[in-house]
Amino acid sequence: MAFEVIIQRKFKDKEQAEKLVPFILQLRSQATIQPGYITGQTLRCLDCDGEYLVISTWHSREDWDNWFQSAERQALQKQIDALLGEETTYRFYEPLVGGIMPVFKDSKPADKR
């Protein structure tokens, strides 16, 4: 099942934030040709200067991990993190489809009465 990667980057300095754009474009361009890449969006927050959000959809976690660990991505990410002054934040989400709730690890099924 496809899943979403949410990548958040925040800058305190507007000039540094503007330097980020070419790196994001390079990452996006390279990601689109990776096996398992489905689609993505890159967003700039309008009411919070210096915040950028990337929403990326991948066929599988394995496909994302292969891209994440690739030398080409790591090189660009290193430059981005240097601009940020900290590591980029990643979050992983799966869609809830048709009202079916996923079974969570360590959870017990609801009592059927």
PDB file of N, CA and C in Angstrom:
ATOM      1  N   MET A   1       0.843  -1.181   0.000  1.00  0.00           N
ATOM      2  CA  MET A   1       0.000   0.000   0.000  1.00  0.00           C
ATOM      3  C   MET A   1       0.888   1.245   0.000  1.00  0.00           C
ATOM      4  N   ALA A   2       0.511   2.222  -0.765  1.00  0.00           N
ATOM      5  CA  ALA A   2       1.255   3.484  -0.844  1.00  0.00           C
ATOM      6  C   ALA A   2       1.248   4.185   0.503  1.00  0.00           C
ATOM      7  N   PHE A   3       2.270   4.980   0.731  1.00  0.00           N
ATOM      8  CA  PHE A   3       2.311   5.763   1.955  1.00  0.00           C
ATOM      9  C   PHE A   3       2.926   7.129   1.680  1.00  0.00           C
ATOM     10  N   GLU A   4       2.707   8.031   2.617  1.00  0.00           N
ATOM     11  CA  GLU A   4       3.139   9.416   2.472  1.00  0.00           C
ATOM     12  C   GLU A   4       4.342   9.704   3.371  1.00  0.00           C
ATOM     13  N   VAL A   5       5.263  10.477   2.839  1.00  0.00           N
ATOM     14  CA  VAL A   5       6.371  10.987   3.633  1.00  0.00           C
ATOM     15  C   VAL A   5       6.162  12.494   3.729  1.00  0.00           C
ATOM     16  N   ILE A   6       6.133  13.005   4.949  1.00  0.00           N
ATOM     17  CA  ILE A   6       5.994  14.438   5.189  1.00  0.00           C
ATOM     18  C   ILE A   6       7.361  14.940   5.655  1.00  0.00           C
ATOM     19  N   ILE A   7       7.916  15.878   4.916  1.00  0.00           N
ATOM     20  CA  ILE A   7       9.243  16.414   5.221  1.00  0.00           C
ATOM     21  C   ILE A   7       9.074  17.893   5.557  1.00  0.00           C
ATOM     22  N   GLN A   8       9.493  18.269   6.760  1.00  0.00           N
ATOM     23  CA  GLN A   8       9.318  19.645   7.209  1.00  0.00           C
ATOM     24  C   GLN A   8      10.685  20.279   7.455  1.00  0.00           C
ATOM     25  N   ARG A   9      10.807  21.496   6.935  1.00  0.00           N
ATOM     26  CA  ARG A   9      12.041  22.259   7.131  1.00  0.00           C
ATOM     27  C   ARG A   9      11.674  23.678   7.553  1.00  0.00           C
ATOM     28  N   LYS A  10      12.328  24.161   8.617  1.00  0.00           N
ATOM     29  CA  LYS A  10      12.053  25.508   9.116  1.00  0.00           C
ATOM     30  C   LYS A  10      13.341  26.311   9.185  1.00  0.00           C
ATOM     31  N   PHE A  11      13.232  27.568   8.755  1.00  0.00           N
ATOM     32  CA  PHE A  11      14.359  28.479   8.785  1.00  0.00           C
ATOM     33  C   PHE A  11      14.008  29.710   9.599  1.00  0.00           C
ATOM     34  N   LYS A  12      14.954  30.171  10.377  1.00  0.00           N
ATOM     35  CA  LYS A  12      14.757  31.417  11.112  1.00  0.00           C
ATOM     36  C   LYS A  12      15.190  32.596  10.252  1.00  0.00           C
ATOM     37  N   ASP A  13      16.140  32.359   9.374  1.00  0.00           N
ATOM     38  CA  ASP A  13      16.712  33.399   8.516  1.00  0.00           C
ATOM     39  C   ASP A  13      16.110  33.280   7.118  1.00  0.00           C
ATOM     40  N   LYS A  14      15.432  34.336   6.665  1.00  0.00           N
ATOM     41  CA  LYS A  14      14.755  34.315   5.361  1.00  0.00           C
ATOM     42  C   LYS A  14      15.740  34.102   4.209  1.00  0.00           C
ATOM     43  N   GLU A  15      16.942  34.658   4.298  1.00  0.00           N
ATOM     44  CA  GLU A  15      17.938  34.482   3.230  1.00  0.00           C
ATOM     45  C   GLU A  15      18.337  33.012   3.100  1.00  0.00           C
ATOM     46  N   GLN A  16      18.495  32.338   4.229  1.00  0.00           N
ATOM     47  CA  GLN A  16      18.820  30.912   4.180  1.00  0.00           C
ATOM     48  C   GLN A  16      17.667  30.126   3.562  1.00  0.00           C
ATOM     49  N   ALA A  17      16.454  30.497   3.903  1.00  0.00           N
ATOM     50  CA  ALA A  17      15.282  29.816   3.349  1.00  0.00           C
ATOM     51  C   ALA A  17      15.267  29.918   1.828  1.00  0.00           C
ATOM     52  N   GLU A  18      15.604  31.075   1.304  1.00  0.00           N
ATOM     53  CA  GLU A  18      15.619  31.258  -0.154  1.00  0.00           C
ATOM     54  C   GLU A  18      16.700  30.411  -0.818  1.00  0.00           C
ATOM     55  N   LYS A  19      17.795  30.141  -0.104  1.00  0.00           N
ATOM     56  CA  LYS A  19      18.861  29.292  -0.636  1.00  0.00           C
ATOM     57  C   LYS A  19      18.431  27.829  -0.716  1.00  0.00           C
ATOM     58  N   LEU A  20      17.387  27.477   0.032  1.00  0.00           N
ATOM     59  CA  LEU A  20      16.899  26.103   0.058  1.00  0.00           C
ATOM     60  C   LEU A  20      16.234  25.683  -1.248  1.00  0.00           C
ATOM     61  N   VAL A  21      15.560  26.605  -1.890  1.00  0.00           N
ATOM     62  CA  VAL A  21      14.726  26.287  -3.058  1.00  0.00           C
ATOM     63  C   VAL A  21      15.470  25.482  -4.131  1.00  0.00           C
ATOM     64  N   PRO A  22      16.666  25.866  -4.561  1.00  0.00           N
ATOM     65  CA  PRO A  22      17.339  25.056  -5.585  1.00  0.00           C
ATOM     66  C   PRO A  22      17.605  23.611  -5.138  1.00  0.00           C
ATOM     67  N   PHE A  23      17.910  23.416  -3.847  1.00  0.00           N
ATOM     68  CA  PHE A  23      18.150  22.064  -3.341  1.00  0.00           C
ATOM     69  C   PHE A  23      16.867  21.237  -3.364  1.00  0.00           C
ATOM     70  N   ILE A  24      15.761  21.855  -2.970  1.00  0.00           N
ATOM     71  CA  ILE A  24      14.472  21.154  -2.998  1.00  0.00           C
ATOM     72  C   ILE A  24      14.122  20.770  -4.428  1.00  0.00           C
ATOM     73  N   LEU A  25      14.357  21.677  -5.361  1.00  0.00           N
ATOM     74  CA  LEU A  25      14.067  21.377  -6.770  1.00  0.00           C
ATOM     75  C   LEU A  25      14.913  20.210  -7.275  1.00  0.00           C
ATOM     76  N   GLN A  26      16.180  20.175  -6.868  1.00  0.00           N
ATOM     77  CA  GLN A  26      17.048  19.066  -7.265  1.00  0.00           C
ATOM     78  C   GLN A  26      16.557  17.750  -6.669  1.00  0.00           C
ATOM     79  N   LEU A  27      16.228  17.770  -5.379  1.00  0.00           N
ATOM     80  CA  LEU A  27      15.722  16.556  -4.743  1.00  0.00           C
ATOM     81  C   LEU A  27      14.447  16.079  -5.422  1.00  0.00           C
ATOM     82  N   ARG A  28      13.547  17.001  -5.672  1.00  0.00           N
ATOM     83  CA  ARG A  28      12.265  16.654  -6.297  1.00  0.00           C
ATOM     84  C   ARG A  28      12.489  16.067  -7.686  1.00  0.00           C
ATOM     85  N   SER A  29      13.355  16.687  -8.454  1.00  0.00           N
ATOM     86  CA  SER A  29      13.648  16.213  -9.803  1.00  0.00           C
ATOM     87  C   SER A  29      14.230  14.801  -9.770  1.00  0.00           C
ATOM     88  N   GLN A  30      15.149  14.557  -8.870  1.00  0.00           N
ATOM     89  CA  GLN A  30      15.764  13.229  -8.772  1.00  0.00           C
ATOM     90  C   GLN A  30      14.790  12.198  -8.208  1.00  0.00           C
ATOM     91  N   ALA A  31      13.949  12.608  -7.280  1.00  0.00           N
ATOM     92  CA  ALA A  31      12.984  11.673  -6.685  1.00  0.00           C
ATOM     93  C   ALA A  31      12.002  11.150  -7.724  1.00  0.00           C
ATOM     94  N   THR A  32      11.587  12.008  -8.651  1.00  0.00           N
ATOM     95  CA  THR A  32      10.552  11.615  -9.618  1.00  0.00           C
ATOM     96  C   THR A  32      10.964  10.449 -10.510  1.00  0.00           C
ATOM     97  N   ILE A  33      12.247  10.191 -10.626  1.00  0.00           N
ATOM     98  CA  ILE A  33      12.703   9.086 -11.479  1.00  0.00           C
ATOM     99  C   ILE A  33      13.096   7.848 -10.666  1.00  0.00           C
ATOM    100  N   GLN A  34      12.846   7.883  -9.359  1.00  0.00           N
ATOM    101  CA  GLN A  34      13.194   6.748  -8.510  1.00  0.00           C
ATOM    102  C   GLN A  34      12.104   5.680  -8.574  1.00  0.00           C
ATOM    103  N   PRO A  35      12.513   4.406  -8.517  1.00  0.00           N
ATOM    104  CA  PRO A  35      11.512   3.332  -8.478  1.00  0.00           C
ATOM    105  C   PRO A  35      10.609   3.505  -7.249  1.00  0.00           C
ATOM    106  N   GLY A  36       9.312   3.421  -7.467  1.00  0.00           N
ATOM    107  CA  GLY A  36       8.353   3.506  -6.375  1.00  0.00           C
ATOM    108  C   GLY A  36       7.824   4.895  -6.093  1.00  0.00           C
ATOM    109  N   TYR A  37       8.410   5.929  -6.709  1.00  0.00           N
ATOM    110  CA  TYR A  37       7.900   7.280  -6.502  1.00  0.00           C
ATOM    111  C   TYR A  37       6.567   7.415  -7.237  1.00  0.00           C
ATOM    112  N   ILE A  38       5.567   7.973  -6.550  1.00  0.00           N
ATOM    113  CA  ILE A  38       4.255   8.156  -7.175  1.00  0.00           C
ATOM    114  C   ILE A  38       4.000   9.626  -7.478  1.00  0.00           C
ATOM    115  N   THR A  39       4.076  10.480  -6.473  1.00  0.00           N
ATOM    116  CA  THR A  39       3.821  11.902  -6.669  1.00  0.00           C
ATOM    117  C   THR A  39       4.345  12.684  -5.473  1.00  0.00           C
ATOM    118  N   GLY A  40       4.312  14.004  -5.600  1.00  0.00           N
ATOM    119  CA  GLY A  40       4.749  14.836  -4.485  1.00  0.00           C
ATOM    120  C   GLY A  40       4.315  16.275  -4.656  1.00  0.00           C
ATOM    121  N   GLN A  41       4.342  16.996  -3.547  1.00  0.00           N
ATOM    122  CA  GLN A  41       4.047  18.429  -3.533  1.00  0.00           C
ATOM    123  C   GLN A  41       5.092  19.112  -2.673  1.00  0.00           C
ATOM    124  N   THR A  42       5.464  20.305  -3.059  1.00  0.00           N
ATOM    125  CA  THR A  42       6.351  21.127  -2.250  1.00  0.00           C
ATOM    126  C   THR A  42       5.599  22.408  -1.926  1.00  0.00           C
ATOM    127  N   LEU A  43       5.477  22.705  -0.635  1.00  0.00           N
ATOM    128  CA  LEU A  43       4.672  23.833  -0.186  1.00  0.00           C
ATOM    129  C   LEU A  43       5.495  24.798   0.658  1.00  0.00           C
ATOM    130  N   ARG A  44       5.203  26.087   0.489  1.00  0.00           N
ATOM    131  CA  ARG A  44       5.807  27.130   1.325  1.00  0.00           C
ATOM    132  C   ARG A  44       4.689  27.709   2.168  1.00  0.00           C
ATOM    133  N   CYS A  45       4.903  27.759   3.473  1.00  0.00           N
ATOM    134  CA  CYS A  45       3.880  28.263   4.386  1.00  0.00           C
ATOM    135  C   CYS A  45       3.688  29.765   4.175  1.00  0.00           C
ATOM    136  N   LEU A  46       2.434  30.188   4.033  1.00  0.00           N
ATOM    137  CA  LEU A  46       2.143  31.602   3.797  1.00  0.00           C
ATOM    138  C   LEU A  46       2.043  32.420   5.076  1.00  0.00           C
ATOM    139  N   ASP A  47       1.693  31.775   6.180  1.00  0.00           N
ATOM    140  CA  ASP A  47       1.552  32.533   7.418  1.00  0.00           C
ATOM    141  C   ASP A  47       2.640  32.234   8.447  1.00  0.00           C
ATOM    142  N   CYS A  48       3.711  31.581   8.000  1.00  0.00           N
ATOM    143  CA  CYS A  48       4.861  31.332   8.884  1.00  0.00           C
ATOM    144  C   CYS A  48       6.125  31.328   8.024  1.00  0.00           C
ATOM    145  N   ASP A  49       6.746  32.490   7.917  1.00  0.00           N
ATOM    146  CA  ASP A  49       7.937  32.641   7.079  1.00  0.00           C
ATOM    147  C   ASP A  49       8.988  31.577   7.379  1.00  0.00           C
ATOM    148  N   GLY A  50       9.574  31.080   6.322  1.00  0.00           N
ATOM    149  CA  GLY A  50      10.694  30.164   6.464  1.00  0.00           C
ATOM    150  C   GLY A  50      10.324  28.712   6.686  1.00  0.00           C
ATOM    151  N   GLU A  51       9.065  28.354   6.536  1.00  0.00           N
ATOM    152  CA  GLU A  51       8.687  26.956   6.706  1.00  0.00           C
ATOM    153  C   GLU A  51       8.305  26.359   5.356  1.00  0.00           C
ATOM    154  N   TYR A  52       8.887  25.198   5.069  1.00  0.00           N
ATOM    155  CA  TYR A  52       8.630  24.475   3.829  1.00  0.00           C
ATOM    156  C   TYR A  52       8.192  23.061   4.169  1.00  0.00           C
ATOM    157  N   LEU A  53       7.253  22.542   3.394  1.00  0.00           N
ATOM    158  CA  LEU A  53       6.716  21.209   3.623  1.00  0.00           C
ATOM    159  C   LEU A  53       6.711  20.460   2.297  1.00  0.00           C
ATOM    160  N   VAL A  54       7.198  19.243   2.327  1.00  0.00           N
ATOM    161  CA  VAL A  54       7.163  18.381   1.151  1.00  0.00           C
ATOM    162  C   VAL A  54       6.299  17.176   1.509  1.00  0.00           C
ATOM    163  N   ILE A  55       5.323  16.881   0.652  1.00  0.00           N
ATOM    164  CA  ILE A  55       4.484  15.702   0.820  1.00  0.00           C
ATOM    165  C   ILE A  55       4.789  14.801  -0.364  1.00  0.00           C
ATOM    166  N   SER A  56       5.310  13.641  -0.072  1.00  0.00           N
ATOM    167  CA  SER A  56       5.783  12.735  -1.102  1.00  0.00           C
ATOM    168  C   SER A  56       5.082  11.387  -0.954  1.00  0.00           C
ATOM    169  N   THR A  57       4.572  10.838  -2.051  1.00  0.00           N
ATOM    170  CA  THR A  57       3.876   9.552  -2.016  1.00  0.00           C
ATOM    171  C   THR A  57       4.737   8.493  -2.692  1.00  0.00           C
ATOM    172  N   TRP A  58       4.897   7.376  -1.998  1.00  0.00           N
ATOM    173  CA  TRP A  58       5.741   6.275  -2.470  1.00  0.00           C
ATOM    174  C   TRP A  58       4.945   4.981  -2.448  1.00  0.00           C
ATOM    175  N   HIS A  59       5.316   4.076  -3.335  1.00  0.00           N
ATOM    176  CA  HIS A  59       4.651   2.775  -3.421  1.00  0.00           C
ATOM    177  C   HIS A  59       4.875   1.958  -2.149  1.00  0.00           C
ATOM    178  N   SER A  60       6.096   1.996  -1.614  1.00  0.00           N
ATOM    179  CA  SER A  60       6.395   1.207  -0.419  1.00  0.00           C
ATOM    180  C   SER A  60       7.461   1.904   0.422  1.00  0.00           C
ATOM    181  N   ARG A  61       7.547   1.508   1.658  1.00  0.00           N
ATOM    182  CA  ARG A  61       8.584   2.035   2.549  1.00  0.00           C
ATOM    183  C   ARG A  61       9.967   1.647   2.027  1.00  0.00           C
ATOM    184  N   GLU A  62      10.068   0.458   1.461  1.00  0.00           N
ATOM    185  CA  GLU A  62      11.340   0.003   0.897  1.00  0.00           C
ATOM    186  C   GLU A  62      11.806   0.933  -0.226  1.00  0.00           C
ATOM    187  N   ASP A  63      10.877   1.342  -1.094  1.00  0.00           N
ATOM    188  CA  ASP A  63      11.235   2.270  -2.177  1.00  0.00           C
ATOM    189  C   ASP A  63      11.748   3.584  -1.603  1.00  0.00           C
ATOM    190  N   TRP A  64      11.045   4.123  -0.586  1.00  0.00           N
ATOM    191  CA  TRP A  64      11.489   5.366   0.056  1.00  0.00           C
ATOM    192  C   TRP A  64      12.871   5.180   0.684  1.00  0.00           C
ATOM    193  N   ASP A  65      13.045   4.075   1.418  1.00  0.00           N
ATOM    194  CA  ASP A  65      14.321   3.836   2.094  1.00  0.00           C
ATOM    195  C   ASP A  65      15.471   3.754   1.095  1.00  0.00           C
ATOM    196  N   ASN A  66      15.232   3.123  -0.052  1.00  0.00           N
ATOM    197  CA  ASN A  66      16.276   3.046  -1.083  1.00  0.00           C
ATOM    198  C   ASN A  66      16.660   4.444  -1.565  1.00  0.00           C
ATOM    199  N   TRP A  67      15.666   5.287  -1.802  1.00  0.00           N
ATOM    200  CA  TRP A  67      15.933   6.667  -2.225  1.00  0.00           C
ATOM    201  C   TRP A  67      16.596   7.455  -1.101  1.00  0.00           C
ATOM    202  N   PHE A  68      16.083   7.321   0.106  1.00  0.00           N
ATOM    203  CA  PHE A  68      16.611   8.057   1.263  1.00  0.00           C
ATOM    204  C   PHE A  68      18.091   7.746   1.487  1.00  0.00           C
ATOM    205  N   GLN A  69      18.477   6.503   1.293  1.00  0.00           N
ATOM    206  CA  GLN A  69      19.847   6.078   1.551  1.00  0.00           C
ATOM    207  C   GLN A  69      20.784   6.235   0.357  1.00  0.00           C
ATOM    208  N   SER A  70      20.275   6.671  -0.771  1.00  0.00           N
ATOM    209  CA  SER A  70      21.121   6.804  -1.963  1.00  0.00           C
ATOM    210  C   SER A  70      22.162   7.909  -1.772  1.00  0.00           C
ATOM    211  N   ALA A  71      23.309   7.715  -2.380  1.00  0.00           N
ATOM    212  CA  ALA A  71      24.411   8.678  -2.258  1.00  0.00           C
ATOM    213  C   ALA A  71      24.019  10.046  -2.799  1.00  0.00           C
ATOM    214  N   GLU A  72      23.275  10.093  -3.916  1.00  0.00           N
ATOM    215  CA  GLU A  72      22.892  11.374  -4.507  1.00  0.00           C
ATOM    216  C   GLU A  72      21.983  12.169  -3.574  1.00  0.00           C
ATOM    217  N   ARG A  73      21.045  11.481  -2.920  1.00  0.00           N
ATOM    218  CA  ARG A  73      20.145  12.157  -1.995  1.00  0.00           C
ATOM    219  C   ARG A  73      20.888  12.593  -0.735  1.00  0.00           C
ATOM    220  N   GLN A  74      21.725  11.725  -0.221  1.00  0.00           N
ATOM    221  CA  GLN A  74      22.476  12.046   0.991  1.00  0.00           C
ATOM    222  C   GLN A  74      23.352  13.288   0.803  1.00  0.00           C
ATOM    223  N   ALA A  75      23.949  13.430  -0.371  1.00  0.00           N
ATOM    224  CA  ALA A  75      24.792  14.598  -0.649  1.00  0.00           C
ATOM    225  C   ALA A  75      23.979  15.891  -0.615  1.00  0.00           C
ATOM    226  N   LEU A  76      22.802  15.879  -1.243  1.00  0.00           N
ATOM    227  CA  LEU A  76      21.940  17.068  -1.228  1.00  0.00           C
ATOM    228  C   LEU A  76      21.391  17.339   0.172  1.00  0.00           C
ATOM    229  N   GLN A  77      21.005  16.275   0.866  1.00  0.00           N
ATOM    230  CA  GLN A  77      20.443  16.438   2.205  1.00  0.00           C
ATOM    231  C   GLN A  77      21.471  17.022   3.167  1.00  0.00           C
ATOM    232  N   LYS A  78      22.710  16.636   3.016  1.00  0.00           N
ATOM    233  CA  LYS A  78      23.779  17.165   3.866  1.00  0.00           C
ATOM    234  C   LYS A  78      23.891  18.688   3.693  1.00  0.00           C
ATOM    235  N   GLN A  79      23.769  19.159   2.463  1.00  0.00           N
ATOM    236  CA  GLN A  79      23.824  20.603   2.196  1.00  0.00           C
ATOM    237  C   GLN A  79      22.613  21.320   2.773  1.00  0.00           C
ATOM    238  N   ILE A  80      21.448  20.689   2.680  1.00  0.00           N
ATOM    239  CA  ILE A  80      20.224  21.274   3.233  1.00  0.00           C
ATOM    240  C   ILE A  80      20.335  21.388   4.758  1.00  0.00           C
ATOM    241  N   ASP A  81      20.764  20.318   5.399  1.00  0.00           N
ATOM    242  CA  ASP A  81      20.883  20.336   6.857  1.00  0.00           C
ATOM    243  C   ASP A  81      21.924  21.359   7.322  1.00  0.00           C
ATOM    244  N   ALA A  82      22.955  21.570   6.516  1.00  0.00           N
ATOM    245  CA  ALA A  82      23.944  22.594   6.850  1.00  0.00           C
ATOM    246  C   ALA A  82      23.303  23.984   6.813  1.00  0.00           C
ATOM    247  N   LEU A  83      22.438  24.225   5.839  1.00  0.00           N
ATOM    248  CA  LEU A  83      21.708  25.494   5.771  1.00  0.00           C
ATOM    249  C   LEU A  83      20.749  25.640   6.956  1.00  0.00           C
ATOM    250  N   LEU A  84      20.063  24.542   7.290  1.00  0.00           N
ATOM    251  CA  LEU A  84      19.102  24.559   8.393  1.00  0.00           C
ATOM    252  C   LEU A  84      19.780  24.757   9.745  1.00  0.00           C
ATOM    253  N   GLY A  85      20.971  24.178   9.866  1.00  0.00           N
ATOM    254  CA  GLY A  85      21.634  24.178  11.163  1.00  0.00           C
ATOM    255  C   GLY A  85      21.104  23.062  12.057  1.00  0.00           C
ATOM    256  N   GLU A  86      20.308  22.166  11.490  1.00  0.00           N
ATOM    257  CA  GLU A  86      19.766  21.011  12.206  1.00  0.00           C
ATOM    258  C   GLU A  86      19.288  19.994  11.183  1.00  0.00           C
ATOM    259  N   GLU A  87      18.932  18.812  11.672  1.00  0.00           N
ATOM    260  CA  GLU A  87      18.465  17.769  10.761  1.00  0.00           C
ATOM    261  C   GLU A  87      17.018  18.005  10.341  1.00  0.00           C
ATOM    262  N   THR A  88      16.721  17.644   9.120  1.00  0.00           N
ATOM    263  CA  THR A  88      15.373  17.722   8.575  1.00  0.00           C
ATOM    264  C   THR A  88      14.473  16.727   9.307  1.00  0.00           C
ATOM    265  N   THR A  89      13.198  17.098   9.477  1.00  0.00           N
ATOM    266  CA  THR A  89      12.226  16.238  10.153  1.00  0.00           C
ATOM    267  C   THR A  89      11.422  15.442   9.128  1.00  0.00           C
ATOM    268  N   TYR A  90      11.301  14.138   9.354  1.00  0.00           N
ATOM    269  CA  TYR A  90      10.537  13.248   8.480  1.00  0.00           C
ATOM    270  C   TYR A  90       9.441  12.580   9.301  1.00  0.00           C
ATOM    271  N   ARG A  91       8.245  12.477   8.701  1.00  0.00           N
ATOM    272  CA  ARG A  91       7.136  11.758   9.305  1.00  0.00           C
ATOM    273  C   ARG A  91       6.528  10.868   8.226  1.00  0.00           C
ATOM    274  N   PHE A  92       6.038   9.704   8.646  1.00  0.00           N
ATOM    275  CA  PHE A  92       5.507   8.726   7.712  1.00  0.00           C
ATOM    276  C   PHE A  92       4.042   8.447   8.045  1.00  0.00           C
ATOM    277  N   TYR A  93       3.200   8.472   7.007  1.00  0.00           N
ATOM    278  CA  TYR A  93       1.756   8.298   7.183  1.00  0.00           C
ATOM    279  C   TYR A  93       1.236   7.284   6.180  1.00  0.00           C
ATOM    280  N   GLU A  94       0.204   6.533   6.603  1.00  0.00           N
ATOM    281  CA  GLU A  94      -0.506   5.664   5.675  1.00  0.00           C
ATOM    282  C   GLU A  94      -1.940   6.149   5.591  1.00  0.00           C
ATOM    283  N   PRO A  95      -2.569   6.002   4.429  1.00  0.00           N
ATOM    284  CA  PRO A  95      -3.954   6.469   4.290  1.00  0.00           C
ATOM    285  C   PRO A  95      -4.930   5.539   5.007  1.00  0.00           C
ATOM    286  N   LEU A  96      -5.978   6.135   5.542  1.00  0.00           N
ATOM    287  CA  LEU A  96      -7.095   5.361   6.087  1.00  0.00           C
ATOM    288  C   LEU A  96      -8.130   5.317   4.974  1.00  0.00           C
ATOM    289  N   VAL A  97      -8.362   4.142   4.423  1.00  0.00           N
ATOM    290  CA  VAL A  97      -9.187   4.005   3.226  1.00  0.00           C
ATOM    291  C   VAL A  97     -10.537   3.380   3.576  1.00  0.00           C
ATOM    292  N   GLY A  98     -11.602   3.975   3.077  1.00  0.00           N
ATOM    293  CA  GLY A  98     -12.929   3.393   3.204  1.00  0.00           C
ATOM    294  C   GLY A  98     -13.409   3.198   4.631  1.00  0.00           C
ATOM    295  N   GLY A  99     -12.889   3.986   5.571  1.00  0.00           N
ATOM    296  CA  GLY A  99     -13.332   3.874   6.948  1.00  0.00           C
ATOM    297  C   GLY A  99     -12.775   2.660   7.667  1.00  0.00           C
ATOM    298  N   ILE A 100     -11.880   1.917   7.045  1.00  0.00           N
ATOM    299  CA  ILE A 100     -11.289   0.744   7.682  1.00  0.00           C
ATOM    300  C   ILE A 100     -10.106   1.202   8.527  1.00  0.00           C
ATOM    301  N   MET A 101     -10.166   0.916   9.785  1.00  0.00           N
ATOM    302  CA  MET A 101      -9.093   1.320  10.685  1.00  0.00           C
ATOM    303  C   MET A 101      -7.997   0.259  10.688  1.00  0.00           C
ATOM    304  N   PRO A 102      -6.747   0.667  10.669  1.00  0.00           N
ATOM    305  CA  PRO A 102      -5.654  -0.307  10.701  1.00  0.00           C
ATOM    306  C   PRO A 102      -5.557  -0.958  12.085  1.00  0.00           C
ATOM    307  N   VAL A 103      -4.962  -2.121  12.122  1.00  0.00           N
ATOM    308  CA  VAL A 103      -4.698  -2.783  13.391  1.00  0.00           C
ATOM    309  C   VAL A 103      -3.333  -2.314  13.863  1.00  0.00           C
ATOM    310  N   PHE A 104      -3.295  -1.755  15.067  1.00  0.00           N
ATOM    311  CA  PHE A 104      -2.052  -1.242  15.607  1.00  0.00           C
ATOM    312  C   PHE A 104      -1.344  -2.333  16.392  1.00  0.00           C
ATOM    313  N   LYS A 105      -0.036  -2.310  16.358  1.00  0.00           N
ATOM    314  CA  LYS A 105       0.748  -3.260  17.134  1.00  0.00           C
ATOM    315  C   LYS A 105       0.392  -3.104  18.603  1.00  0.00           C
ATOM    316  N   ASP A 106       0.401  -4.209  19.311  1.00  0.00           N
ATOM    317  CA  ASP A 106       0.121  -4.227  20.755  1.00  0.00           C
ATOM    318  C   ASP A 106      -1.301  -3.808  21.088  1.00  0.00           C
ATOM    319  N   SER A 107      -2.217  -3.797  20.119  1.00  0.00           N
ATOM    320  CA  SER A 107      -3.612  -3.481  20.429  1.00  0.00           C
ATOM    321  C   SER A 107      -4.437  -4.741  20.338  1.00  0.00           C
ATOM    322  N   LYS A 108      -5.497  -4.762  21.102  1.00  0.00           N
ATOM    323  CA  LYS A 108      -6.385  -5.927  21.116  1.00  0.00           C
ATOM    324  C   LYS A 108      -7.665  -5.563  20.369  1.00  0.00           C
ATOM    325  N   PRO A 109      -8.231  -6.520  19.638  1.00  0.00           N
ATOM    326  CA  PRO A 109      -9.486  -6.225  18.929  1.00  0.00           C
ATOM    327  C   PRO A 109     -10.580  -5.827  19.905  1.00  0.00           C
ATOM    328  N   ALA A 110     -11.484  -4.982  19.422  1.00  0.00           N
ATOM    329  CA  ALA A 110     -12.609  -4.558  20.262  1.00  0.00           C
ATOM    330  C   ALA A 110     -13.491  -5.745  20.590  1.00  0.00           C
ATOM    331  N   ASP A 111     -14.065  -5.738  21.773  1.00  0.00           N
ATOM    332  CA  ASP A 111     -14.953  -6.802  22.235  1.00  0.00           C
ATOM    333  C   ASP A 111     -16.235  -6.785  21.397  1.00  0.00           C
ATOM    334  N   LYS A 112     -16.552  -7.887  20.740  1.00  0.00           N
ATOM    335  CA  LYS A 112     -17.770  -7.959  19.907  1.00  0.00           C
ATOM    336  C   LYS A 112     -18.922  -8.425  20.789  1.00  0.00           C
ATOM    337  N   ARG A 113     -19.964  -7.651  20.865  1.00  0.00           N
ATOM    338  CA  ARG A 113     -21.138  -8.004  21.684  1.00  0.00           C
ATOM    339  C   ARG A 113     -22.365  -8.016  20.861  1.00  0.00           C
TER     340      ARG A 113
END
